[in-house]
Amino acid sequence: MPSATPSAKGSALVTGGAGGIGTEIARRLVADGFRVVITDVDREAGARVRDELQVEFIPGDSTSEADMRRAMDSAGPVEVLVNNVGIREVAAAVSYMANEDAVGITGTFLDVSGGFE
């Protein structure tokens, strides 16, 4: 089970941390001594990364203010915020662009604004 104990370096929050680059960023932050919290919409992959890296996993959608607030509250004071979230699957052009805007713009705004309250 992941440790809720604060580390000497503080907490790091990685959105989209359940796969690819996000997982590798989380791995590096753990190795560097941070307490790491990851978020992702993929619950199965998030649980796998949580168990593998011994990090905290908060399931959530980066376009949801409530989900991002829950992640920020769980992470506590955040020393490192990695806005890594993105879309993994190819969709129709119009649908893709609308989703990409929501994830890329709204998600980043919610992540960053939650960290400065």
PDB file of N, CA and C in Angstrom:
ATOM      1  N   MET A   1       0.840  -1.182   0.000  1.00  0.00           N
ATOM      2  CA  MET A   1       0.000   0.000   0.000  1.00  0.00           C
ATOM      3  C   MET A   1       0.882   1.241   0.000  1.00  0.00           C
ATOM      4  N   PRO A   2       0.523   2.263  -0.790  1.00  0.00           N
ATOM      5  CA  PRO A   2       1.316   3.480  -0.846  1.00  0.00           C
ATOM      6  C   PRO A   2       1.363   4.184   0.499  1.00  0.00           C
ATOM      7  N   SER A   3       2.443   4.831   0.720  1.00  0.00           N
ATOM      8  CA  SER A   3       2.638   5.554   1.974  1.00  0.00           C
ATOM      9  C   SER A   3       2.019   6.936   1.890  1.00  0.00           C
ATOM     10  N   ALA A   4       1.288   7.315   2.929  1.00  0.00           N
ATOM     11  CA  ALA A   4       0.728   8.662   2.992  1.00  0.00           C
ATOM     12  C   ALA A   4       1.676   9.603   3.723  1.00  0.00           C
ATOM     13  N   THR A   5       2.817   9.096   4.133  1.00  0.00           N
ATOM     14  CA  THR A   5       3.791   9.881   4.861  1.00  0.00           C
ATOM     15  C   THR A   5       4.448  10.895   3.932  1.00  0.00           C
ATOM     16  N   PRO A   6       4.467  12.164   4.305  1.00  0.00           N
ATOM     17  CA  PRO A   6       5.127  13.163   3.467  1.00  0.00           C
ATOM     18  C   PRO A   6       6.618  12.844   3.310  1.00  0.00           C
ATOM     19  N   SER A   7       7.146  13.114   2.145  1.00  0.00           N
ATOM     20  CA  SER A   7       8.571  12.896   1.935  1.00  0.00           C
ATOM     21  C   SER A   7       9.316  14.195   2.195  1.00  0.00           C
ATOM     22  N   ALA A   8      10.634  14.083   2.298  1.00  0.00           N
ATOM     23  CA  ALA A   8      11.470  15.265   2.534  1.00  0.00           C
ATOM     24  C   ALA A   8      11.368  16.247   1.369  1.00  0.00           C
ATOM     25  N   LYS A   9      11.150  15.731   0.159  1.00  0.00           N
ATOM     26  CA  LYS A   9      11.078  16.601  -1.014  1.00  0.00           C
ATOM     27  C   LYS A   9       9.677  17.121  -1.277  1.00  0.00           C
ATOM     28  N   GLY A  10       8.662  16.572  -0.629  1.00  0.00           N
ATOM     29  CA  GLY A  10       7.292  17.018  -0.836  1.00  0.00           C
ATOM     30  C   GLY A  10       6.530  16.124  -1.784  1.00  0.00           C
ATOM     31  N   SER A  11       5.362  16.604  -2.185  1.00  0.00           N
ATOM     32  CA  SER A  11       4.460  15.828  -3.033  1.00  0.00           C
ATOM     33  C   SER A  11       4.560  16.254  -4.487  1.00  0.00           C
ATOM     34  N   ALA A  12       4.338  15.273  -5.357  1.00  0.00           N
ATOM     35  CA  ALA A  12       4.273  15.516  -6.795  1.00  0.00           C
ATOM     36  C   ALA A  12       2.962  14.937  -7.298  1.00  0.00           C
ATOM     37  N   LEU A  13       2.258  15.673  -8.143  1.00  0.00           N
ATOM     38  CA  LEU A  13       1.015  15.220  -8.747  1.00  0.00           C
ATOM     39  C   LEU A  13       1.225  15.094 -10.239  1.00  0.00           C
ATOM     40  N   VAL A  14       0.922  13.902 -10.777  1.00  0.00           N
ATOM     41  CA  VAL A  14       1.103  13.633 -12.206  1.00  0.00           C
ATOM     42  C   VAL A  14      -0.249  13.266 -12.798  1.00  0.00           C
ATOM     43  N   THR A  15      -0.812  14.135 -13.653  1.00  0.00           N
ATOM     44  CA  THR A  15      -2.046  13.786 -14.343  1.00  0.00           C
ATOM     45  C   THR A  15      -1.700  12.862 -15.507  1.00  0.00           C
ATOM     46  N   GLY A  16      -2.613  11.964 -15.839  1.00  0.00           N
ATOM     47  CA  GLY A  16      -2.326  11.000 -16.903  1.00  0.00           C
ATOM     48  C   GLY A  16      -1.176  10.091 -16.524  1.00  0.00           C
ATOM     49  N   GLY A  17      -1.104   9.741 -15.239  1.00  0.00           N
ATOM     50  CA  GLY A  17       0.038   8.982 -14.729  1.00  0.00           C
ATOM     51  C   GLY A  17      -0.062   7.484 -14.863  1.00  0.00           C
ATOM     52  N   ALA A  18      -1.131   6.982 -15.488  1.00  0.00           N
ATOM     53  CA  ALA A  18      -1.336   5.535 -15.543  1.00  0.00           C
ATOM     54  C   ALA A  18      -0.780   4.883 -16.799  1.00  0.00           C
ATOM     55  N   GLY A  19      -0.015   5.607 -17.577  1.00  0.00           N
ATOM     56  CA  GLY A  19       0.537   4.990 -18.771  1.00  0.00           C
ATOM     57  C   GLY A  19       1.611   5.842 -19.419  1.00  0.00           C
ATOM     58  N   GLY A  20       2.437   5.191 -20.207  1.00  0.00           N
ATOM     59  CA  GLY A  20       3.420   5.868 -21.033  1.00  0.00           C
ATOM     60  C   GLY A  20       4.311   6.844 -20.301  1.00  0.00           C
ATOM     61  N   ILE A  21       4.373   8.052 -20.831  1.00  0.00           N
ATOM     62  CA  ILE A  21       5.246   9.088 -20.284  1.00  0.00           C
ATOM     63  C   ILE A  21       4.876   9.414 -18.840  1.00  0.00           C
ATOM     64  N   GLY A  22       3.579   9.469 -18.519  1.00  0.00           N
ATOM     65  CA  GLY A  22       3.149   9.774 -17.161  1.00  0.00           C
ATOM     66  C   GLY A  22       3.681   8.788 -16.144  1.00  0.00           C
ATOM     67  N   THR A  23       3.637   7.504 -16.494  1.00  0.00           N
ATOM     68  CA  THR A  23       4.167   6.476 -15.593  1.00  0.00           C
ATOM     69  C   THR A  23       5.666   6.644 -15.406  1.00  0.00           C
ATOM     70  N   GLU A  24       6.375   6.933 -16.473  1.00  0.00           N
ATOM     71  CA  GLU A  24       7.829   7.087 -16.378  1.00  0.00           C
ATOM     72  C   GLU A  24       8.213   8.344 -15.594  1.00  0.00           C
ATOM     73  N   ILE A  25       7.423   9.396 -15.728  1.00  0.00           N
ATOM     74  CA  ILE A  25       7.668  10.599 -14.919  1.00  0.00           C
ATOM     75  C   ILE A  25       7.443  10.263 -13.447  1.00  0.00           C
ATOM     76  N   ALA A  26       6.353   9.551 -13.155  1.00  0.00           N
ATOM     77  CA  ALA A  26       6.070   9.154 -11.766  1.00  0.00           C
ATOM     78  C   ALA A  26       7.194   8.280 -11.219  1.00  0.00           C
ATOM     79  N   ARG A  27       7.683   7.359 -12.043  1.00  0.00           N
ATOM     80  CA  ARG A  27       8.786   6.476 -11.622  1.00  0.00           C
ATOM     81  C   ARG A  27      10.016   7.303 -11.234  1.00  0.00           C
ATOM     82  N   ARG A  28      10.343   8.291 -12.042  1.00  0.00           N
ATOM     83  CA  ARG A  28      11.508   9.133 -11.778  1.00  0.00           C
ATOM     84  C   ARG A  28      11.316   9.955 -10.504  1.00  0.00           C
ATOM     85  N   LEU A  29      10.111  10.508 -10.326  1.00  0.00           N
ATOM     86  CA  LEU A  29       9.840  11.305  -9.132  1.00  0.00           C
ATOM     87  C   LEU A  29       9.939  10.461  -7.862  1.00  0.00           C
ATOM     88  N   VAL A  30       9.463   9.225  -7.923  1.00  0.00           N
ATOM     89  CA  VAL A  30       9.597   8.305  -6.781  1.00  0.00           C
ATOM     90  C   VAL A  30      11.079   8.066  -6.498  1.00  0.00           C
ATOM     91  N   ALA A  31      11.844   7.793  -7.553  1.00  0.00           N
ATOM     92  CA  ALA A  31      13.286   7.543  -7.395  1.00  0.00           C
ATOM     93  C   ALA A  31      13.999   8.761  -6.814  1.00  0.00           C
ATOM     94  N   ASP A  32      13.477   9.940  -7.120  1.00  0.00           N
ATOM     95  CA  ASP A  32      14.079  11.179  -6.614  1.00  0.00           C
ATOM     96  C   ASP A  32      13.587  11.549  -5.214  1.00  0.00           C
ATOM     97  N   GLY A  33      12.738  10.714  -4.632  1.00  0.00           N
ATOM     98  CA  GLY A  33      12.338  10.913  -3.245  1.00  0.00           C
ATOM     99  C   GLY A  33      11.048  11.676  -2.997  1.00  0.00           C
ATOM    100  N   PHE A  34      10.240  11.873  -4.025  1.00  0.00           N
ATOM    101  CA  PHE A  34       8.967  12.563  -3.843  1.00  0.00           C
ATOM    102  C   PHE A  34       7.870  11.583  -3.447  1.00  0.00           C
ATOM    103  N   ARG A  35       6.889  12.081  -2.720  1.00  0.00           N
ATOM    104  CA  ARG A  35       5.630  11.364  -2.509  1.00  0.00           C
ATOM    105  C   ARG A  35       4.803  11.656  -3.755  1.00  0.00           C
ATOM    106  N   VAL A  36       4.423  10.624  -4.502  1.00  0.00           N
ATOM    107  CA  VAL A  36       3.801  10.817  -5.804  1.00  0.00           C
ATOM    108  C   VAL A  36       2.327  10.400  -5.777  1.00  0.00           C
ATOM    109  N   VAL A  37       1.501  11.266  -6.341  1.00  0.00           N
ATOM    110  CA  VAL A  37       0.084  10.991  -6.548  1.00  0.00           C
ATOM    111  C   VAL A  37      -0.145  11.068  -8.049  1.00  0.00           C
ATOM    112  N   ILE A  38      -0.783  10.020  -8.610  1.00  0.00           N
ATOM    113  CA  ILE A  38      -1.123  10.039 -10.026  1.00  0.00           C
ATOM    114  C   ILE A  38      -2.639  10.085 -10.178  1.00  0.00           C
ATOM    115  N   THR A  39      -3.099  10.682 -11.282  1.00  0.00           N
ATOM    116  CA  THR A  39      -4.511  10.652 -11.647  1.00  0.00           C
ATOM    117  C   THR A  39      -4.624  10.090 -13.051  1.00  0.00           C
ATOM    118  N   ASP A  40      -5.770   9.492 -13.332  1.00  0.00           N
ATOM    119  CA  ASP A  40      -6.043   8.978 -14.668  1.00  0.00           C
ATOM    120  C   ASP A  40      -7.488   8.513 -14.713  1.00  0.00           C
ATOM    121  N   VAL A  41      -8.068   8.476 -15.898  1.00  0.00           N
ATOM    122  CA  VAL A  41      -9.416   7.930 -16.059  1.00  0.00           C
ATOM    123  C   VAL A  41      -9.386   6.410 -16.159  1.00  0.00           C
ATOM    124  N   ASP A  42      -8.244   5.846 -16.468  1.00  0.00           N
ATOM    125  CA  ASP A  42      -8.099   4.391 -16.614  1.00  0.00           C
ATOM    126  C   ASP A  42      -7.829   3.770 -15.244  1.00  0.00           C
ATOM    127  N   ARG A  43      -8.879   3.261 -14.620  1.00  0.00           N
ATOM    128  CA  ARG A  43      -8.771   2.718 -13.261  1.00  0.00           C
ATOM    129  C   ARG A  43      -7.884   1.473 -13.192  1.00  0.00           C
ATOM    130  N   GLU A  44      -7.992   0.612 -14.178  1.00  0.00           N
ATOM    131  CA  GLU A  44      -7.196  -0.622 -14.169  1.00  0.00           C
ATOM    132  C   GLU A  44      -5.704  -0.316 -14.288  1.00  0.00           C
ATOM    133  N   ALA A  45      -5.349   0.534 -15.232  1.00  0.00           N
ATOM    134  CA  ALA A  45      -3.940   0.903 -15.404  1.00  0.00           C
ATOM    135  C   ALA A  45      -3.439   1.688 -14.198  1.00  0.00           C
ATOM    136  N   GLY A  46      -4.290   2.556 -13.643  1.00  0.00           N
ATOM    137  CA  GLY A  46      -3.900   3.327 -12.465  1.00  0.00           C
ATOM    138  C   GLY A  46      -3.593   2.429 -11.277  1.00  0.00           C
ATOM    139  N   ALA A  47      -4.419   1.411 -11.077  1.00  0.00           N
ATOM    140  CA  ALA A  47      -4.187   0.468  -9.976  1.00  0.00           C
ATOM    141  C   ALA A  47      -2.883  -0.304 -10.198  1.00  0.00           C
ATOM    142  N   ARG A  48      -2.610  -0.650 -11.444  1.00  0.00           N
ATOM    143  CA  ARG A  48      -1.369  -1.368 -11.758  1.00  0.00           C
ATOM    144  C   ARG A  48      -0.145  -0.512 -11.450  1.00  0.00           C
ATOM    145  N   VAL A  49      -0.173   0.752 -11.884  1.00  0.00           N
ATOM    146  CA  VAL A  49       0.949   1.662 -11.628  1.00  0.00           C
ATOM    147  C   VAL A  49       1.071   1.932 -10.133  1.00  0.00           C
ATOM    148  N   ARG A  50      -0.055   2.126  -9.458  1.00  0.00           N
ATOM    149  CA  ARG A  50      -0.039   2.334  -7.999  1.00  0.00           C
ATOM    150  C   ARG A  50       0.708   1.200  -7.303  1.00  0.00           C
ATOM    151  N   ASP A  51       0.363  -0.032  -7.664  1.00  0.00           N
ATOM    152  CA  ASP A  51       0.982  -1.190  -7.021  1.00  0.00           C
ATOM    153  C   ASP A  51       2.451  -1.338  -7.415  1.00  0.00           C
ATOM    154  N   GLU A  52       2.751  -1.081  -8.669  1.00  0.00           N
ATOM    155  CA  GLU A  52       4.130  -1.229  -9.160  1.00  0.00           C
ATOM    156  C   GLU A  52       5.072  -0.193  -8.550  1.00  0.00           C
ATOM    157  N   LEU A  53       4.626   1.060  -8.495  1.00  0.00           N
ATOM    158  CA  LEU A  53       5.511   2.141  -8.065  1.00  0.00           C
ATOM    159  C   LEU A  53       5.321   2.542  -6.612  1.00  0.00           C
ATOM    160  N   GLN A  54       4.285   1.992  -5.967  1.00  0.00           N
ATOM    161  CA  GLN A  54       3.955   2.377  -4.584  1.00  0.00           C
ATOM    162  C   GLN A  54       3.659   3.869  -4.492  1.00  0.00           C
ATOM    163  N   VAL A  55       2.752   4.315  -5.367  1.00  0.00           N
ATOM    164  CA  VAL A  55       2.287   5.692  -5.372  1.00  0.00           C
ATOM    165  C   VAL A  55       0.808   5.695  -5.007  1.00  0.00           C
ATOM    166  N   GLU A  56       0.260   6.866  -4.799  1.00  0.00           N
ATOM    167  CA  GLU A  56      -1.177   6.980  -4.561  1.00  0.00           C
ATOM    168  C   GLU A  56      -1.860   7.222  -5.898  1.00  0.00           C
ATOM    169  N   PHE A  57      -2.984   6.537  -6.130  1.00  0.00           N
ATOM    170  CA  PHE A  57      -3.745   6.702  -7.370  1.00  0.00           C
ATOM    171  C   PHE A  57      -5.116   7.267  -7.047  1.00  0.00           C
ATOM    172  N   ILE A  58      -5.448   8.382  -7.686  1.00  0.00           N
ATOM    173  CA  ILE A  58      -6.756   9.005  -7.557  1.00  0.00           C
ATOM    174  C   ILE A  58      -7.427   8.931  -8.927  1.00  0.00           C
ATOM    175  N   PRO A  59      -8.420   8.049  -9.093  1.00  0.00           N
ATOM    176  CA  PRO A  59      -9.114   7.997 -10.380  1.00  0.00           C
ATOM    177  C   PRO A  59      -9.795   9.339 -10.641  1.00  0.00           C
ATOM    178  N   GLY A  60      -9.692   9.823 -11.858  1.00  0.00           N
ATOM    179  CA  GLY A  60     -10.341  11.093 -12.144  1.00  0.00           C
ATOM    180  C   GLY A  60     -10.133  11.564 -13.566  1.00  0.00           C
ATOM    181  N   ASP A  61     -11.028  12.445 -13.970  1.00  0.00           N
ATOM    182  CA  ASP A  61     -11.026  13.053 -15.292  1.00  0.00           C
ATOM    183  C   ASP A  61     -10.495  14.476 -15.146  1.00  0.00           C
ATOM    184  N   SER A  62      -9.477  14.818 -15.891  1.00  0.00           N
ATOM    185  CA  SER A  62      -8.853  16.136 -15.734  1.00  0.00           C
ATOM    186  C   SER A  62      -9.755  17.272 -16.186  1.00  0.00           C
ATOM    187  N   THR A  63     -10.852  16.968 -16.879  1.00  0.00           N
ATOM    188  CA  THR A  63     -11.788  18.027 -17.256  1.00  0.00           C
ATOM    189  C   THR A  63     -12.870  18.235 -16.198  1.00  0.00           C
ATOM    190  N   SER A  64     -12.806  17.480 -15.105  1.00  0.00           N
ATOM    191  CA  SER A  64     -13.774  17.609 -14.015  1.00  0.00           C
ATOM    192  C   SER A  64     -13.155  18.384 -12.859  1.00  0.00           C
ATOM    193  N   GLU A  65     -13.741  19.535 -12.539  1.00  0.00           N
ATOM    194  CA  GLU A  65     -13.208  20.329 -11.438  1.00  0.00           C
ATOM    195  C   GLU A  65     -13.244  19.548 -10.132  1.00  0.00           C
ATOM    196  N   ALA A  66     -14.323  18.802  -9.897  1.00  0.00           N
ATOM    197  CA  ALA A  66     -14.436  18.016  -8.654  1.00  0.00           C
ATOM    198  C   ALA A  66     -13.342  16.953  -8.570  1.00  0.00           C
ATOM    199  N   ASP A  67     -13.062  16.275  -9.680  1.00  0.00           N
ATOM    200  CA  ASP A  67     -12.015  15.247  -9.684  1.00  0.00           C
ATOM    201  C   ASP A  67     -10.641  15.851  -9.424  1.00  0.00           C
ATOM    202  N   MET A  68     -10.352  16.980 -10.056  1.00  0.00           N
ATOM    203  CA  MET A  68      -9.041  17.595  -9.880  1.00  0.00           C
ATOM    204  C   MET A  68      -8.887  18.201  -8.489  1.00  0.00           C
ATOM    205  N   ARG A  69      -9.970  18.721  -7.940  1.00  0.00           N
ATOM    206  CA  ARG A  69      -9.912  19.235  -6.571  1.00  0.00           C
ATOM    207  C   ARG A  69      -9.629  18.088  -5.591  1.00  0.00           C
ATOM    208  N   ARG A  70     -10.280  16.941  -5.816  1.00  0.00           N
ATOM    209  CA  ARG A  70     -10.042  15.766  -4.966  1.00  0.00           C
ATOM    210  C   ARG A  70      -8.582  15.332  -5.047  1.00  0.00           C
ATOM    211  N   ALA A  71      -8.023  15.344  -6.245  1.00  0.00           N
ATOM    212  CA  ALA A  71      -6.617  14.956  -6.414  1.00  0.00           C
ATOM    213  C   ALA A  71      -5.685  15.941  -5.717  1.00  0.00           C
ATOM    214  N   MET A  72      -5.946  17.240  -5.876  1.00  0.00           N
ATOM    215  CA  MET A  72      -5.106  18.251  -5.232  1.00  0.00           C
ATOM    216  C   MET A  72      -5.207  18.149  -3.716  1.00  0.00           C
ATOM    217  N   ASP A  73      -6.424  17.931  -3.208  1.00  0.00           N
ATOM    218  CA  ASP A  73      -6.612  17.794  -1.758  1.00  0.00           C
ATOM    219  C   ASP A  73      -5.864  16.577  -1.230  1.00  0.00           C
ATOM    220  N   SER A  74      -5.905  15.490  -1.975  1.00  0.00           N
ATOM    221  CA  SER A  74      -5.226  14.268  -1.552  1.00  0.00           C
ATOM    222  C   SER A  74      -3.712  14.430  -1.571  1.00  0.00           C
ATOM    223  N   ALA A  75      -3.217  15.148  -2.575  1.00  0.00           N
ATOM    224  CA  ALA A  75      -1.771  15.329  -2.709  1.00  0.00           C
ATOM    225  C   ALA A  75      -1.218  16.264  -1.638  1.00  0.00           C
ATOM    226  N   GLY A  76      -2.073  17.135  -1.105  1.00  0.00           N
ATOM    227  CA  GLY A  76      -1.586  18.103  -0.121  1.00  0.00           C
ATOM    228  C   GLY A  76      -0.793  19.188  -0.816  1.00  0.00           C
ATOM    229  N   PRO A  77       0.057  19.891  -0.093  1.00  0.00           N
ATOM    230  CA  PRO A  77       0.885  20.903  -0.763  1.00  0.00           C
ATOM    231  C   PRO A  77       1.734  20.238  -1.855  1.00  0.00           C
ATOM    232  N   VAL A  78       1.625  20.740  -3.063  1.00  0.00           N
ATOM    233  CA  VAL A  78       2.286  20.125  -4.215  1.00  0.00           C
ATOM    234  C   VAL A  78       3.544  20.913  -4.581  1.00  0.00           C
ATOM    235  N   GLU A  79       4.670  20.226  -4.565  1.00  0.00           N
ATOM    236  CA  GLU A  79       5.935  20.828  -4.983  1.00  0.00           C
ATOM    237  C   GLU A  79       6.128  20.723  -6.487  1.00  0.00           C
ATOM    238  N   VAL A  80       5.626  19.615  -7.075  1.00  0.00           N
ATOM    239  CA  VAL A  80       5.785  19.369  -8.506  1.00  0.00           C
ATOM    240  C   VAL A  80       4.420  19.003  -9.077  1.00  0.00           C
ATOM    241  N   LEU A  81       3.986  19.732 -10.113  1.00  0.00           N
ATOM    242  CA  LEU A  81       2.748  19.424 -10.823  1.00  0.00           C
ATOM    243  C   LEU A  81       3.099  19.132 -12.270  1.00  0.00           C
ATOM    244  N   VAL A  82       2.746  17.922 -12.727  1.00  0.00           N
ATOM    245  CA  VAL A  82       3.020  17.527 -14.109  1.00  0.00           C
ATOM    246  C   VAL A  82       1.687  17.361 -14.823  1.00  0.00           C
ATOM    247  N   ASN A  83       1.372  18.299 -15.706  1.00  0.00           N
ATOM    248  CA  ASN A  83       0.157  18.219 -16.525  1.00  0.00           C
ATOM    249  C   ASN A  83       0.457  17.360 -17.744  1.00  0.00           C
ATOM    250  N   ASN A  84       0.346  16.065 -17.572  1.00  0.00           N
ATOM    251  CA  ASN A  84       0.715  15.120 -18.609  1.00  0.00           C
ATOM    252  C   ASN A  84      -0.482  14.536 -19.343  1.00  0.00           C
ATOM    253  N   VAL A  85      -1.673  14.826 -18.896  1.00  0.00           N
ATOM    254  CA  VAL A  85      -2.866  14.188 -19.438  1.00  0.00           C
ATOM    255  C   VAL A  85      -3.035  14.484 -20.926  1.00  0.00           C
ATOM    256  N   GLY A  86      -3.565  13.503 -21.638  1.00  0.00           N
ATOM    257  CA  GLY A  86      -3.837  13.641 -23.067  1.00  0.00           C
ATOM    258  C   GLY A  86      -4.799  12.567 -23.499  1.00  0.00           C
ATOM    259  N   ILE A  87      -5.063  12.500 -24.773  1.00  0.00           N
ATOM    260  CA  ILE A  87      -5.972  11.500 -25.319  1.00  0.00           C
ATOM    261  C   ILE A  87      -5.149  10.445 -26.030  1.00  0.00           C
ATOM    262  N   ARG A  88      -5.400   9.178 -25.709  1.00  0.00           N
ATOM    263  CA  ARG A  88      -4.622   8.077 -26.269  1.00  0.00           C
ATOM    264  C   ARG A  88      -5.194   7.508 -27.554  1.00  0.00           C
ATOM    265  N   GLU A  89      -6.492   7.629 -27.763  1.00  0.00           N
ATOM    266  CA  GLU A  89      -7.142   6.960 -28.887  1.00  0.00           C
ATOM    267  C   GLU A  89      -7.486   7.941 -29.990  1.00  0.00           C
ATOM    268  N   VAL A  90      -7.422   7.456 -31.211  1.00  0.00           N
ATOM    269  CA  VAL A  90      -7.766   8.284 -32.357  1.00  0.00           C
ATOM    270  C   VAL A  90      -9.286   8.254 -32.521  1.00  0.00           C
ATOM    271  N   ALA A  91      -9.879   9.412 -32.750  1.00  0.00           N
ATOM    272  CA  ALA A  91     -11.322   9.513 -32.945  1.00  0.00           C
ATOM    273  C   ALA A  91     -11.580  10.331 -34.203  1.00  0.00           C
ATOM    274  N   ALA A  92     -12.845  10.505 -34.528  1.00  0.00           N
ATOM    275  CA  ALA A  92     -13.211  11.340 -35.674  1.00  0.00           C
ATOM    276  C   ALA A  92     -12.648  12.743 -35.452  1.00  0.00           C
ATOM    277  N   ALA A  93     -12.284  13.430 -36.518  1.00  0.00           N
ATOM    278  CA  ALA A  93     -11.589  14.719 -36.419  1.00  0.00           C
ATOM    279  C   ALA A  93     -12.320  15.732 -35.553  1.00  0.00           C
ATOM    280  N   VAL A  94     -13.591  15.941 -35.757  1.00  0.00           N
ATOM    281  CA  VAL A  94     -14.321  16.956 -34.998  1.00  0.00           C
ATOM    282  C   VAL A  94     -14.415  16.547 -33.534  1.00  0.00           C
ATOM    283  N   SER A  95     -14.764  15.301 -33.274  1.00  0.00           N
ATOM    284  CA  SER A  95     -14.871  14.819 -31.897  1.00  0.00           C
ATOM    285  C   SER A  95     -13.522  14.888 -31.209  1.00  0.00           C
ATOM    286  N   TYR A  96     -12.487  14.511 -31.922  1.00  0.00           N
ATOM    287  CA  TYR A  96     -11.142  14.520 -31.358  1.00  0.00           C
ATOM    288  C   TYR A  96     -10.740  15.928 -30.935  1.00  0.00           C
ATOM    289  N   MET A  97     -10.967  16.896 -31.796  1.00  0.00           N
ATOM    290  CA  MET A  97     -10.567  18.265 -31.481  1.00  0.00           C
ATOM    291  C   MET A  97     -11.324  18.803 -30.270  1.00  0.00           C
ATOM    292  N   ALA A  98     -12.616  18.513 -30.180  1.00  0.00           N
ATOM    293  CA  ALA A  98     -13.393  18.974 -29.026  1.00  0.00           C
ATOM    294  C   ALA A  98     -12.856  18.340 -27.753  1.00  0.00           C
ATOM    295  N   ASN A  99     -12.564  17.059 -27.779  1.00  0.00           N
ATOM    296  CA  ASN A  99     -12.027  16.372 -26.600  1.00  0.00           C
ATOM    297  C   ASN A  99     -10.622  16.859 -26.277  1.00  0.00           C
ATOM    298  N   GLU A 100      -9.809  17.047 -27.281  1.00  0.00           N
ATOM    299  CA  GLU A 100      -8.440  17.507 -27.066  1.00  0.00           C
ATOM    300  C   GLU A 100      -8.430  18.884 -26.422  1.00  0.00           C
ATOM    301  N   ASP A 101      -9.330  19.764 -26.890  1.00  0.00           N
ATOM    302  CA  ASP A 101      -9.432  21.090 -26.275  1.00  0.00           C
ATOM    303  C   ASP A 101      -9.857  20.971 -24.818  1.00  0.00           C
ATOM    304  N   ALA A 102     -10.839  20.128 -24.541  1.00  0.00           N
ATOM    305  CA  ALA A 102     -11.324  19.972 -23.159  1.00  0.00           C
ATOM    306  C   ALA A 102     -10.228  19.425 -22.268  1.00  0.00           C
ATOM    307  N   VAL A 103      -9.527  18.418 -22.728  1.00  0.00           N
ATOM    308  CA  VAL A 103      -8.479  17.801 -21.917  1.00  0.00           C
ATOM    309  C   VAL A 103      -7.275  18.728 -21.801  1.00  0.00           C
ATOM    310  N   GLY A 104      -6.818  19.257 -22.921  1.00  0.00           N
ATOM    311  CA  GLY A 104      -5.602  20.064 -22.927  1.00  0.00           C
ATOM    312  C   GLY A 104      -5.758  21.425 -22.285  1.00  0.00           C
ATOM    313  N   ILE A 105      -6.863  22.091 -22.540  1.00  0.00           N
ATOM    314  CA  ILE A 105      -7.036  23.447 -22.025  1.00  0.00           C
ATOM    315  C   ILE A 105      -7.744  23.437 -20.676  1.00  0.00           C
ATOM    316  N   THR A 106      -8.924  22.833 -20.628  1.00  0.00           N
ATOM    317  CA  THR A 106      -9.681  22.817 -19.376  1.00  0.00           C
ATOM    318  C   THR A 106      -8.920  22.053 -18.299  1.00  0.00           C
ATOM    319  N   GLY A 107      -8.383  20.885 -18.651  1.00  0.00           N
ATOM    320  CA  GLY A 107      -7.652  20.084 -17.672  1.00  0.00           C
ATOM    321  C   GLY A 107      -6.463  20.821 -17.097  1.00  0.00           C
ATOM    322  N   THR A 108      -5.703  21.471 -17.935  1.00  0.00           N
ATOM    323  CA  THR A 108      -4.537  22.219 -17.467  1.00  0.00           C
ATOM    324  C   THR A 108      -4.971  23.372 -16.566  1.00  0.00           C
ATOM    325  N   PHE A 109      -6.005  24.098 -16.979  1.00  0.00           N
ATOM    326  CA  PHE A 109      -6.496  25.205 -16.145  1.00  0.00           C
ATOM    327  C   PHE A 109      -6.921  24.705 -14.768  1.00  0.00           C
ATOM    328  N   LEU A 110      -7.708  23.621 -14.724  1.00  0.00           N
ATOM    329  CA  LEU A 110      -8.189  23.124 -13.440  1.00  0.00           C
ATOM    330  C   LEU A 110      -7.031  22.629 -12.574  1.00  0.00           C
ATOM    331  N   ASP A 111      -6.068  21.944 -13.173  1.00  0.00           N
ATOM    332  CA  ASP A 111      -4.926  21.446 -12.405  1.00  0.00           C
ATOM    333  C   ASP A 111      -4.136  22.595 -11.793  1.00  0.00           C
ATOM    334  N   VAL A 112      -3.813  23.581 -12.596  1.00  0.00           N
ATOM    335  CA  VAL A 112      -2.983  24.675 -12.129  1.00  0.00           C
ATOM    336  C   VAL A 112      -3.748  25.571 -11.165  1.00  0.00           C
ATOM    337  N   SER A 113      -4.993  25.905 -11.486  1.00  0.00           N
ATOM    338  CA  SER A 113      -5.740  26.798 -10.603  1.00  0.00           C
ATOM    339  C   SER A 113      -5.991  26.160  -9.247  1.00  0.00           C
ATOM    340  N   GLY A 114      -6.164  24.846  -9.195  1.00  0.00           N
ATOM    341  CA  GLY A 114      -6.366  24.167  -7.925  1.00  0.00           C
ATOM    342  C   GLY A 114      -5.130  24.201  -7.046  1.00  0.00           C
ATOM    343  N   GLY A 115      -3.977  24.305  -7.657  1.00  0.00           N
ATOM    344  CA  GLY A 115      -2.737  24.323  -6.896  1.00  0.00           C
ATOM    345  C   GLY A 115      -2.408  25.652  -6.268  1.00  0.00           C
ATOM    346  N   PHE A 116      -3.112  26.712  -6.643  1.00  0.00           N
ATOM    347  CA  PHE A 116      -2.794  28.042  -6.143  1.00  0.00           C
ATOM    348  C   PHE A 116      -3.855  28.625  -5.233  1.00  0.00           C
ATOM    349  N   GLU A 117      -4.809  27.807  -4.826  1.00  0.00           N
ATOM    350  CA  GLU A 117      -5.851  28.315  -3.915  1.00  0.00           C
ATOM    351  C   GLU A 117      -5.370  28.332  -2.496  1.00  0.00           C
TER     352      GLU A 117
END
